């Protein structure tokens, strides 16, 4: 597949057309996804509220309790909702019949619910591995710099270190971003294991890391607009980016719109 600025514009143009085809239903689906996730995130806001500069043992215990509640809620509620929303975005991008209820589809049966939990956990563990690698490299490379006594040289090396770490962080971010494709793989092959779905998305993006980073950066202004409008624009931007990603993913797999999807190295169902 040839990927360039024109191809990226084509995916995004198609996504806008998909949204226009059923605008209000799509916005409702995004809200059904984002509102619970927002409420879950508020748990951490409550946790840090009232924490003093020199927190007491009671304050730290309260913080850890809320942190535990946040992690559990994110896993048991946020994971299934996120996977359910992917069902809607995939169906919308491919011109299939879709409804707001798809966002909650993982709560419709125990099998779907457990699959969503296992998939979320698998993606989280794979992502954690990359993050730990990033933190390890940061620590190992920073430690020697702390013993340099020459002020000018230390400042120069710290600047170089910071630039290298930013580049590395972007690289790691792209590696983690690939796992969003696992949701699509799981949707297309529901009888496959979650491990197979996560593994399948890796070769799909092989050689396309730079493209994927440019793809995400092309939505940077939408992210800034979402912040300025306190998330209002983010409702549209979420659907826009998610549906565009489905078109990009399908193009990487060499498929035309509306064709059945079977990721590489996974059996057709």
C-alpha atoms as a PDB file:
ATOM      1  CA  UNK A   1       0.000   0.000   0.000  1.00  0.00           C
ATOM      2  CA  UNK A   2       1.243   3.473  -0.837  1.00  0.00           C
ATOM      3  CA  UNK A   3       0.840   5.800   2.089  1.00  0.00           C
ATOM      4  CA  UNK A   4       1.377   9.531   1.740  1.00  0.00           C
ATOM      5  CA  UNK A   5      -0.357  12.779   2.601  1.00  0.00           C
ATOM      6  CA  UNK A   6      -2.925  12.207  -0.123  1.00  0.00           C
ATOM      7  CA  UNK A   7      -3.745   8.727   1.154  1.00  0.00           C
ATOM      8  CA  UNK A   8      -4.091  10.088   4.690  1.00  0.00           C
ATOM      9  CA  UNK A   9      -6.414  12.820   3.459  1.00  0.00           C
ATOM     10  CA  UNK A  10      -8.481  10.192   1.650  1.00  0.00           C
ATOM     11  CA  UNK A  11      -8.960   8.128   4.816  1.00  0.00           C
ATOM     12  CA  UNK A  12      -9.931  11.220   6.769  1.00  0.00           C
ATOM     13  CA  UNK A  13     -12.294  12.434   4.038  1.00  0.00           C
ATOM     14  CA  UNK A  14     -14.001   9.050   4.035  1.00  0.00           C
ATOM     15  CA  UNK A  15     -14.310   9.218   7.827  1.00  0.00           C
ATOM     16  CA  UNK A  16     -15.990  12.609   7.626  1.00  0.00           C
ATOM     17  CA  UNK A  17     -18.417  11.202   5.049  1.00  0.00           C
ATOM     18  CA  UNK A  18     -19.135   8.235   7.325  1.00  0.00           C
ATOM     19  CA  UNK A  19     -19.928  10.566  10.212  1.00  0.00           C
ATOM     20  CA  UNK A  20     -22.146  12.798   8.086  1.00  0.00           C
ATOM     21  CA  UNK A  21     -24.110   9.741   6.968  1.00  0.00           C
ATOM     22  CA  UNK A  22     -25.454   9.375  10.513  1.00  0.00           C
ATOM     23  CA  UNK A  23     -24.111  12.286  12.499  1.00  0.00           C
ATOM     24  CA  UNK A  24     -26.292  12.313  15.597  1.00  0.00           C
ATOM     25  CA  UNK A  25     -26.193   8.573  16.143  1.00  0.00           C
ATOM     26  CA  UNK A  26     -22.400   8.693  15.912  1.00  0.00           C
ATOM     27  CA  UNK A  27     -22.195  11.582  18.390  1.00  0.00           C
ATOM     28  CA  UNK A  28     -24.515   9.684  20.752  1.00  0.00           C
ATOM     29  CA  UNK A  29     -22.297   6.604  20.510  1.00  0.00           C
ATOM     30  CA  UNK A  30     -19.220   8.654  21.382  1.00  0.00           C
ATOM     31  CA  UNK A  31     -20.997  10.174  24.380  1.00  0.00           C
ATOM     32  CA  UNK A  32     -22.066   6.738  25.610  1.00  0.00           C
ATOM     33  CA  UNK A  33     -18.370   5.827  25.527  1.00  0.00           C
ATOM     34  CA  UNK A  34     -16.845   9.021  26.893  1.00  0.00           C
ATOM     35  CA  UNK A  35     -19.240   9.869  29.731  1.00  0.00           C
ATOM     36  CA  UNK A  36     -18.538   6.700  31.771  1.00  0.00           C
ATOM     37  CA  UNK A  37     -14.801   7.042  31.088  1.00  0.00           C
ATOM     38  CA  UNK A  38     -14.944  10.657  32.246  1.00  0.00           C
ATOM     39  CA  UNK A  39     -16.796   9.712  35.425  1.00  0.00           C
ATOM     40  CA  UNK A  40     -14.206   7.034  36.147  1.00  0.00           C
ATOM     41  CA  UNK A  41     -11.411   9.571  35.675  1.00  0.00           C
ATOM     42  CA  UNK A  42     -13.094  11.833  38.216  1.00  0.00           C
ATOM     43  CA  UNK A  43     -12.239   9.257  40.876  1.00  0.00           C
ATOM     44  CA  UNK A  44      -8.624  10.378  40.706  1.00  0.00           C
ATOM     45  CA  UNK A  45      -9.670  14.027  40.974  1.00  0.00           C
ATOM     46  CA  UNK A  46     -11.532  13.194  44.161  1.00  0.00           C
ATOM     47  CA  UNK A  47      -8.501  11.244  45.370  1.00  0.00           C
ATOM     48  CA  UNK A  48      -6.049  14.138  45.094  1.00  0.00           C
ATOM     49  CA  UNK A  49      -8.537  16.711  46.368  1.00  0.00           C
ATOM     50  CA  UNK A  50      -7.571  17.745  49.877  1.00  0.00           C
ATOM     51  CA  UNK A  51      -4.105  16.172  49.798  1.00  0.00           C
ATOM     52  CA  UNK A  52      -1.739  18.538  51.573  1.00  0.00           C
ATOM     53  CA  UNK A  53       1.847  19.354  50.572  1.00  0.00           C
ATOM     54  CA  UNK A  54       3.026  17.108  53.386  1.00  0.00           C
ATOM     55  CA  UNK A  55       0.395  14.359  53.307  1.00  0.00           C
ATOM     56  CA  UNK A  56      -0.344  12.412  56.453  1.00  0.00           C
ATOM     57  CA  UNK A  57      -0.550   8.642  56.619  1.00  0.00           C
ATOM     58  CA  UNK A  58      -4.349   8.877  56.585  1.00  0.00           C
ATOM     59  CA  UNK A  59      -4.269  11.028  53.440  1.00  0.00           C
ATOM     60  CA  UNK A  60      -1.929   8.603  51.665  1.00  0.00           C
ATOM     61  CA  UNK A  61      -4.118   5.672  52.651  1.00  0.00           C
ATOM     62  CA  UNK A  62      -7.135   7.495  51.231  1.00  0.00           C
ATOM     63  CA  UNK A  63      -5.213   8.200  48.020  1.00  0.00           C
ATOM     64  CA  UNK A  64      -4.279   4.538  47.597  1.00  0.00           C
ATOM     65  CA  UNK A  65      -7.856   3.458  48.225  1.00  0.00           C
ATOM     66  CA  UNK A  66      -9.179   5.743  45.504  1.00  0.00           C
ATOM     67  CA  UNK A  67      -6.359   4.669  43.192  1.00  0.00           C
ATOM     68  CA  UNK A  68      -7.412   1.062  43.663  1.00  0.00           C
ATOM     69  CA  UNK A  69     -11.037   1.934  42.929  1.00  0.00           C
ATOM     70  CA  UNK A  70      -9.942   3.800  39.798  1.00  0.00           C
ATOM     71  CA  UNK A  71      -7.879   0.878  38.487  1.00  0.00           C
ATOM     72  CA  UNK A  72     -10.666  -1.632  39.149  1.00  0.00           C
ATOM     73  CA  UNK A  73     -13.342   0.597  37.575  1.00  0.00           C
ATOM     74  CA  UNK A  74     -11.153   1.295  34.535  1.00  0.00           C
ATOM     75  CA  UNK A  75     -10.602  -2.421  34.031  1.00  0.00           C
ATOM     76  CA  UNK A  76     -14.091  -3.770  34.757  1.00  0.00           C
ATOM     77  CA  UNK A  77     -16.074  -0.924  33.155  1.00  0.00           C
ATOM     78  CA  UNK A  78     -13.749   1.156  31.002  1.00  0.00           C
ATOM     79  CA  UNK A  79     -12.229  -1.783  29.117  1.00  0.00           C
ATOM     80  CA  UNK A  80     -15.531  -3.299  27.941  1.00  0.00           C
ATOM     81  CA  UNK A  81     -16.906   0.120  26.993  1.00  0.00           C
ATOM     82  CA  UNK A  82     -13.803   0.949  24.968  1.00  0.00           C
ATOM     83  CA  UNK A  83     -13.991  -2.377  23.113  1.00  0.00           C
ATOM     84  CA  UNK A  84     -17.724  -1.891  22.547  1.00  0.00           C
ATOM     85  CA  UNK A  85     -17.105   1.549  21.050  1.00  0.00           C
ATOM     86  CA  UNK A  86     -14.594  -0.018  18.651  1.00  0.00           C
ATOM     87  CA  UNK A  87     -17.421  -2.240  17.404  1.00  0.00           C
ATOM     88  CA  UNK A  88     -19.427   0.850  16.521  1.00  0.00           C
ATOM     89  CA  UNK A  89     -16.545   2.674  14.807  1.00  0.00           C
ATOM     90  CA  UNK A  90     -15.594  -0.383  12.744  1.00  0.00           C
ATOM     91  CA  UNK A  91     -19.191  -0.901  11.630  1.00  0.00           C
ATOM     92  CA  UNK A  92     -19.596   2.792  10.799  1.00  0.00           C
ATOM     93  CA  UNK A  93     -16.357   2.880   8.778  1.00  0.00           C
ATOM     94  CA  UNK A  94     -17.335  -0.198   6.785  1.00  0.00           C
ATOM     95  CA  UNK A  95     -20.864   0.920   6.044  1.00  0.00           C
ATOM     96  CA  UNK A  96     -22.397  -1.853   8.118  1.00  0.00           C
ATOM     97  CA  UNK A  97     -25.533  -1.603  10.203  1.00  0.00           C
ATOM     98  CA  UNK A  98     -24.671  -0.060  13.549  1.00  0.00           C
ATOM     99  CA  UNK A  99     -26.391   1.464  16.557  1.00  0.00           C
ATOM    100  CA  UNK A 100     -25.507   3.174  19.822  1.00  0.00           C
ATOM    101  CA  UNK A 101     -26.197  -0.081  21.667  1.00  0.00           C
ATOM    102  CA  UNK A 102     -23.008  -1.532  20.165  1.00  0.00           C
ATOM    103  CA  UNK A 103     -20.997   0.558  22.612  1.00  0.00           C
ATOM    104  CA  UNK A 104     -22.442  -1.610  25.385  1.00  0.00           C
ATOM    105  CA  UNK A 105     -22.279  -4.873  23.456  1.00  0.00           C
ATOM    106  CA  UNK A 106     -19.592  -6.334  25.732  1.00  0.00           C
ATOM    107  CA  UNK A 107     -22.085  -6.277  28.606  1.00  0.00           C
ATOM    108  CA  UNK A 108     -24.624  -8.329  26.634  1.00  0.00           C
ATOM    109  CA  UNK A 109     -23.059 -11.703  27.413  1.00  0.00           C
ATOM    110  CA  UNK A 110     -20.533 -13.166  29.814  1.00  0.00           C
ATOM    111  CA  UNK A 111     -18.359 -14.420  26.944  1.00  0.00           C
ATOM    112  CA  UNK A 112     -18.097 -10.982  25.338  1.00  0.00           C
ATOM    113  CA  UNK A 113     -17.459  -9.354  28.698  1.00  0.00           C
ATOM    114  CA  UNK A 114     -14.653 -11.755  29.613  1.00  0.00           C
ATOM    115  CA  UNK A 115     -13.140 -11.403  26.141  1.00  0.00           C
ATOM    116  CA  UNK A 116     -13.061  -7.619  26.525  1.00  0.00           C
ATOM    117  CA  UNK A 117     -11.359  -7.948  29.917  1.00  0.00           C
ATOM    118  CA  UNK A 118      -8.753 -10.379  28.614  1.00  0.00           C
ATOM    119  CA  UNK A 119      -8.086  -8.198  25.578  1.00  0.00           C
ATOM    120  CA  UNK A 120      -7.708  -5.065  27.719  1.00  0.00           C
ATOM    121  CA  UNK A 121      -5.348  -6.898  30.057  1.00  0.00           C
ATOM    122  CA  UNK A 122      -3.274  -8.304  27.213  1.00  0.00           C
ATOM    123  CA  UNK A 123      -2.913  -4.892  25.556  1.00  0.00           C
ATOM    124  CA  UNK A 124      -2.091  -3.293  28.922  1.00  0.00           C
ATOM    125  CA  UNK A 125       0.645  -5.836  29.643  1.00  0.00           C
ATOM    126  CA  UNK A 126       2.187  -5.462  26.186  1.00  0.00           C
ATOM    127  CA  UNK A 127       2.066  -1.678  26.533  1.00  0.00           C
ATOM    128  CA  UNK A 128       3.550  -1.862  30.027  1.00  0.00           C
ATOM    129  CA  UNK A 129       6.492  -3.802  28.645  1.00  0.00           C
ATOM    130  CA  UNK A 130       7.312  -0.963  26.249  1.00  0.00           C
ATOM    131  CA  UNK A 131       6.865   1.654  28.984  1.00  0.00           C
ATOM    132  CA  UNK A 132       9.181  -0.215  31.334  1.00  0.00           C
ATOM    133  CA  UNK A 133      11.764  -0.329  28.553  1.00  0.00           C
ATOM    134  CA  UNK A 134      11.444   3.440  28.130  1.00  0.00           C
ATOM    135  CA  UNK A 135      11.818   4.088  31.864  1.00  0.00           C
ATOM    136  CA  UNK A 136      14.777   1.708  32.117  1.00  0.00           C
ATOM    137  CA  UNK A 137      16.619   3.439  29.267  1.00  0.00           C
ATOM    138  CA  UNK A 138      15.849   6.844  30.777  1.00  0.00           C
ATOM    139  CA  UNK A 139      17.211   5.810  34.176  1.00  0.00           C
ATOM    140  CA  UNK A 140      20.318   4.041  32.887  1.00  0.00           C
ATOM    141  CA  UNK A 141      21.293   6.905  30.559  1.00  0.00           C
ATOM    142  CA  UNK A 142      20.477   9.682  33.029  1.00  0.00           C
ATOM    143  CA  UNK A 143      22.390   8.258  35.971  1.00  0.00           C
ATOM    144  CA  UNK A 144      25.921   8.894  34.571  1.00  0.00           C
ATOM    145  CA  UNK A 145      24.983  12.482  33.687  1.00  0.00           C
ATOM    146  CA  UNK A 146      24.306  13.249  37.335  1.00  0.00           C
ATOM    147  CA  UNK A 147      27.988  12.748  38.162  1.00  0.00           C
ATOM    148  CA  UNK A 148      29.302  15.246  35.592  1.00  0.00           C
ATOM    149  CA  UNK A 149      30.674  18.260  37.460  1.00  0.00           C
ATOM    150  CA  UNK A 150      31.395  20.493  34.469  1.00  0.00           C
ATOM    151  CA  UNK A 151      28.346  22.771  34.361  1.00  0.00           C
ATOM    152  CA  UNK A 152      28.498  23.663  30.656  1.00  0.00           C
ATOM    153  CA  UNK A 153      29.121  20.106  29.558  1.00  0.00           C
ATOM    154  CA  UNK A 154      26.405  18.816  31.884  1.00  0.00           C
ATOM    155  CA  UNK A 155      23.843  21.237  30.434  1.00  0.00           C
ATOM    156  CA  UNK A 156      24.753  20.260  26.865  1.00  0.00           C
ATOM    157  CA  UNK A 157      24.559  16.544  27.600  1.00  0.00           C
ATOM    158  CA  UNK A 158      21.253  16.971  29.408  1.00  0.00           C
ATOM    159  CA  UNK A 159      19.840  18.773  26.374  1.00  0.00           C
ATOM    160  CA  UNK A 160      21.015  15.994  24.055  1.00  0.00           C
ATOM    161  CA  UNK A 161      19.622  13.403  26.478  1.00  0.00           C
ATOM    162  CA  UNK A 162      16.243  15.170  26.560  1.00  0.00           C
ATOM    163  CA  UNK A 163      16.016  15.248  22.752  1.00  0.00           C
ATOM    164  CA  UNK A 164      16.934  11.564  22.480  1.00  0.00           C
ATOM    165  CA  UNK A 165      14.374  10.642  25.146  1.00  0.00           C
ATOM    166  CA  UNK A 166      11.633  12.584  23.333  1.00  0.00           C
ATOM    167  CA  UNK A 167      12.412  10.710  20.116  1.00  0.00           C
ATOM    168  CA  UNK A 168      12.460   7.416  22.010  1.00  0.00           C
ATOM    169  CA  UNK A 169       9.161   8.257  23.713  1.00  0.00           C
ATOM    170  CA  UNK A 170       7.565   8.943  20.317  1.00  0.00           C
ATOM    171  CA  UNK A 171       8.895   5.629  19.035  1.00  0.00           C
ATOM    172  CA  UNK A 172       7.560   3.753  22.064  1.00  0.00           C
ATOM    173  CA  UNK A 173       4.240   5.602  21.714  1.00  0.00           C
ATOM    174  CA  UNK A 174       3.865   4.347  18.148  1.00  0.00           C
ATOM    175  CA  UNK A 175       4.700   0.795  19.226  1.00  0.00           C
ATOM    176  CA  UNK A 176       1.933   0.970  21.823  1.00  0.00           C
ATOM    177  CA  UNK A 177      -0.483   2.636  19.421  1.00  0.00           C
ATOM    178  CA  UNK A 178      -0.260  -0.402  17.115  1.00  0.00           C
ATOM    179  CA  UNK A 179      -2.209  -2.413  19.657  1.00  0.00           C
ATOM    180  CA  UNK A 180      -5.354  -0.445  18.836  1.00  0.00           C
ATOM    181  CA  UNK A 181      -5.423  -2.658  15.781  1.00  0.00           C
ATOM    182  CA  UNK A 182      -5.912  -5.643  18.100  1.00  0.00           C
ATOM    183  CA  UNK A 183      -9.459  -4.467  18.768  1.00  0.00           C
ATOM    184  CA  UNK A 184     -10.235  -4.636  15.053  1.00  0.00           C
ATOM    185  CA  UNK A 185      -8.556  -8.034  14.725  1.00  0.00           C
ATOM    186  CA  UNK A 186     -10.648  -9.318  17.628  1.00  0.00           C
ATOM    187  CA  UNK A 187     -13.849  -7.942  16.106  1.00  0.00           C
ATOM    188  CA  UNK A 188     -13.088  -9.588  12.762  1.00  0.00           C
ATOM    189  CA  UNK A 189     -12.106 -12.959  14.244  1.00  0.00           C
ATOM    190  CA  UNK A 190     -14.143 -13.276  17.471  1.00  0.00           C
ATOM    191  CA  UNK A 191     -13.237 -16.962  17.907  1.00  0.00           C
ATOM    192  CA  UNK A 192      -9.507 -16.247  17.962  1.00  0.00           C
ATOM    193  CA  UNK A 193      -7.670 -15.810  21.254  1.00  0.00           C
ATOM    194  CA  UNK A 194      -6.886 -12.331  22.517  1.00  0.00           C
ATOM    195  CA  UNK A 195      -3.194 -13.151  22.260  1.00  0.00           C
ATOM    196  CA  UNK A 196      -3.601 -13.996  18.563  1.00  0.00           C
ATOM    197  CA  UNK A 197      -5.452 -10.709  18.014  1.00  0.00           C
ATOM    198  CA  UNK A 198      -2.703  -8.693  19.678  1.00  0.00           C
ATOM    199  CA  UNK A 199       0.014 -10.595  17.823  1.00  0.00           C
ATOM    200  CA  UNK A 200      -1.782 -10.192  14.480  1.00  0.00           C
ATOM    201  CA  UNK A 201      -1.722  -6.394  14.551  1.00  0.00           C
ATOM    202  CA  UNK A 202       2.087  -6.284  14.901  1.00  0.00           C
ATOM    203  CA  UNK A 203       2.988  -7.455  11.357  1.00  0.00           C
ATOM    204  CA  UNK A 204       0.217  -5.283   9.931  1.00  0.00           C
ATOM    205  CA  UNK A 205       2.066  -2.165  11.077  1.00  0.00           C
ATOM    206  CA  UNK A 206       5.547  -3.475  10.350  1.00  0.00           C
ATOM    207  CA  UNK A 207       7.384  -0.834   8.352  1.00  0.00           C
ATOM    208  CA  UNK A 208       4.625   1.716   8.965  1.00  0.00           C
ATOM    209  CA  UNK A 209       5.687   3.190  12.313  1.00  0.00           C
ATOM    210  CA  UNK A 210       6.548   6.563  10.815  1.00  0.00           C
ATOM    211  CA  UNK A 211       3.251   6.641   8.910  1.00  0.00           C
ATOM    212  CA  UNK A 212       1.288   5.825  12.064  1.00  0.00           C
ATOM    213  CA  UNK A 213       3.001   8.628  13.961  1.00  0.00           C
ATOM    214  CA  UNK A 214       2.210  11.117  11.185  1.00  0.00           C
ATOM    215  CA  UNK A 215      -1.356   9.842  11.117  1.00  0.00           C
ATOM    216  CA  UNK A 216      -1.822  10.596  14.826  1.00  0.00           C
ATOM    217  CA  UNK A 217       0.000  13.933  14.605  1.00  0.00           C
ATOM    218  CA  UNK A 218      -2.419  15.015  11.874  1.00  0.00           C
ATOM    219  CA  UNK A 219      -5.113  15.147  14.591  1.00  0.00           C
ATOM    220  CA  UNK A 220      -3.032  17.344  16.909  1.00  0.00           C
ATOM    221  CA  UNK A 221      -5.044  20.500  16.228  1.00  0.00           C
ATOM    222  CA  UNK A 222      -8.241  18.603  16.967  1.00  0.00           C
ATOM    223  CA  UNK A 223      -6.782  17.658  20.323  1.00  0.00           C
ATOM    224  CA  UNK A 224      -5.927  21.273  21.083  1.00  0.00           C
ATOM    225  CA  UNK A 225      -9.424  22.364  20.050  1.00  0.00           C
ATOM    226  CA  UNK A 226     -10.872  19.743  22.395  1.00  0.00           C
ATOM    227  CA  UNK A 227      -8.862  21.150  25.286  1.00  0.00           C
ATOM    228  CA  UNK A 228      -9.886  24.732  24.534  1.00  0.00           C
ATOM    229  CA  UNK A 229     -13.584  23.801  24.326  1.00  0.00           C
ATOM    230  CA  UNK A 230     -13.395  21.629  27.472  1.00  0.00           C
ATOM    231  CA  UNK A 231     -13.998  18.451  25.519  1.00  0.00           C
ATOM    232  CA  UNK A 232     -16.959  19.575  23.405  1.00  0.00           C
ATOM    233  CA  UNK A 233     -15.030  19.357  20.128  1.00  0.00           C
ATOM    234  CA  UNK A 234     -13.548  16.116  21.421  1.00  0.00           C
ATOM    235  CA  UNK A 235     -16.848  14.326  20.879  1.00  0.00           C
ATOM    236  CA  UNK A 236     -16.568  14.827  17.124  1.00  0.00           C
ATOM    237  CA  UNK A 237     -12.767  14.462  17.105  1.00  0.00           C
ATOM    238  CA  UNK A 238     -12.982  11.064  18.794  1.00  0.00           C
ATOM    239  CA  UNK A 239     -15.278   9.667  16.117  1.00  0.00           C
ATOM    240  CA  UNK A 240     -13.227  11.340  13.382  1.00  0.00           C
ATOM    241  CA  UNK A 241      -9.927   9.839  14.518  1.00  0.00           C
ATOM    242  CA  UNK A 242     -11.311   6.399  15.370  1.00  0.00           C
ATOM    243  CA  UNK A 243     -13.114   5.935  12.046  1.00  0.00           C
ATOM    244  CA  UNK A 244     -10.112   7.285  10.120  1.00  0.00           C
ATOM    245  CA  UNK A 245      -7.950   4.738  11.918  1.00  0.00           C
ATOM    246  CA  UNK A 246     -10.236   1.913  10.774  1.00  0.00           C
ATOM    247  CA  UNK A 247      -9.857   3.056   7.146  1.00  0.00           C
ATOM    248  CA  UNK A 248      -6.085   3.282   7.581  1.00  0.00           C
ATOM    249  CA  UNK A 249      -5.964  -0.171   9.182  1.00  0.00           C
ATOM    250  CA  UNK A 250      -8.080  -1.705   6.422  1.00  0.00           C
ATOM    251  CA  UNK A 251      -5.853  -0.115   3.784  1.00  0.00           C
ATOM    252  CA  UNK A 252      -2.750  -1.589   5.421  1.00  0.00           C
ATOM    253  CA  UNK A 253      -4.417  -4.999   5.208  1.00  0.00           C
ATOM    254  CA  UNK A 254      -5.077  -4.451   1.501  1.00  0.00           C
ATOM    255  CA  UNK A 255      -8.836  -4.422   1.737  1.00  0.00           C
ATOM    256  CA  UNK A 256     -11.461  -2.311   0.090  1.00  0.00           C
ATOM    257  CA  UNK A 257     -14.322  -0.829   2.053  1.00  0.00           C
ATOM    258  CA  UNK A 258     -17.123  -3.269   2.934  1.00  0.00           C
ATOM    259  CA  UNK A 259     -14.955  -6.359   2.352  1.00  0.00           C
ATOM    260  CA  UNK A 260     -14.712  -8.898   5.194  1.00  0.00           C
ATOM    261  CA  UNK A 261     -11.589  -8.461   7.266  1.00  0.00           C
ATOM    262  CA  UNK A 262      -9.214 -11.262   8.150  1.00  0.00           C
ATOM    263  CA  UNK A 263      -5.901 -10.003   9.606  1.00  0.00           C
ATOM    264  CA  UNK A 264      -2.675 -11.657   8.454  1.00  0.00           C
ATOM    265  CA  UNK A 265      -1.648 -14.880  10.208  1.00  0.00           C
ATOM    266  CA  UNK A 266      -5.140 -15.414  11.578  1.00  0.00           C
ATOM    267  CA  UNK A 267      -7.569 -18.015  10.212  1.00  0.00           C
ATOM    268  CA  UNK A 268     -10.675 -16.918   8.404  1.00  0.00           C
ATOM    269  CA  UNK A 269     -13.839 -17.632  10.362  1.00  0.00           C
END
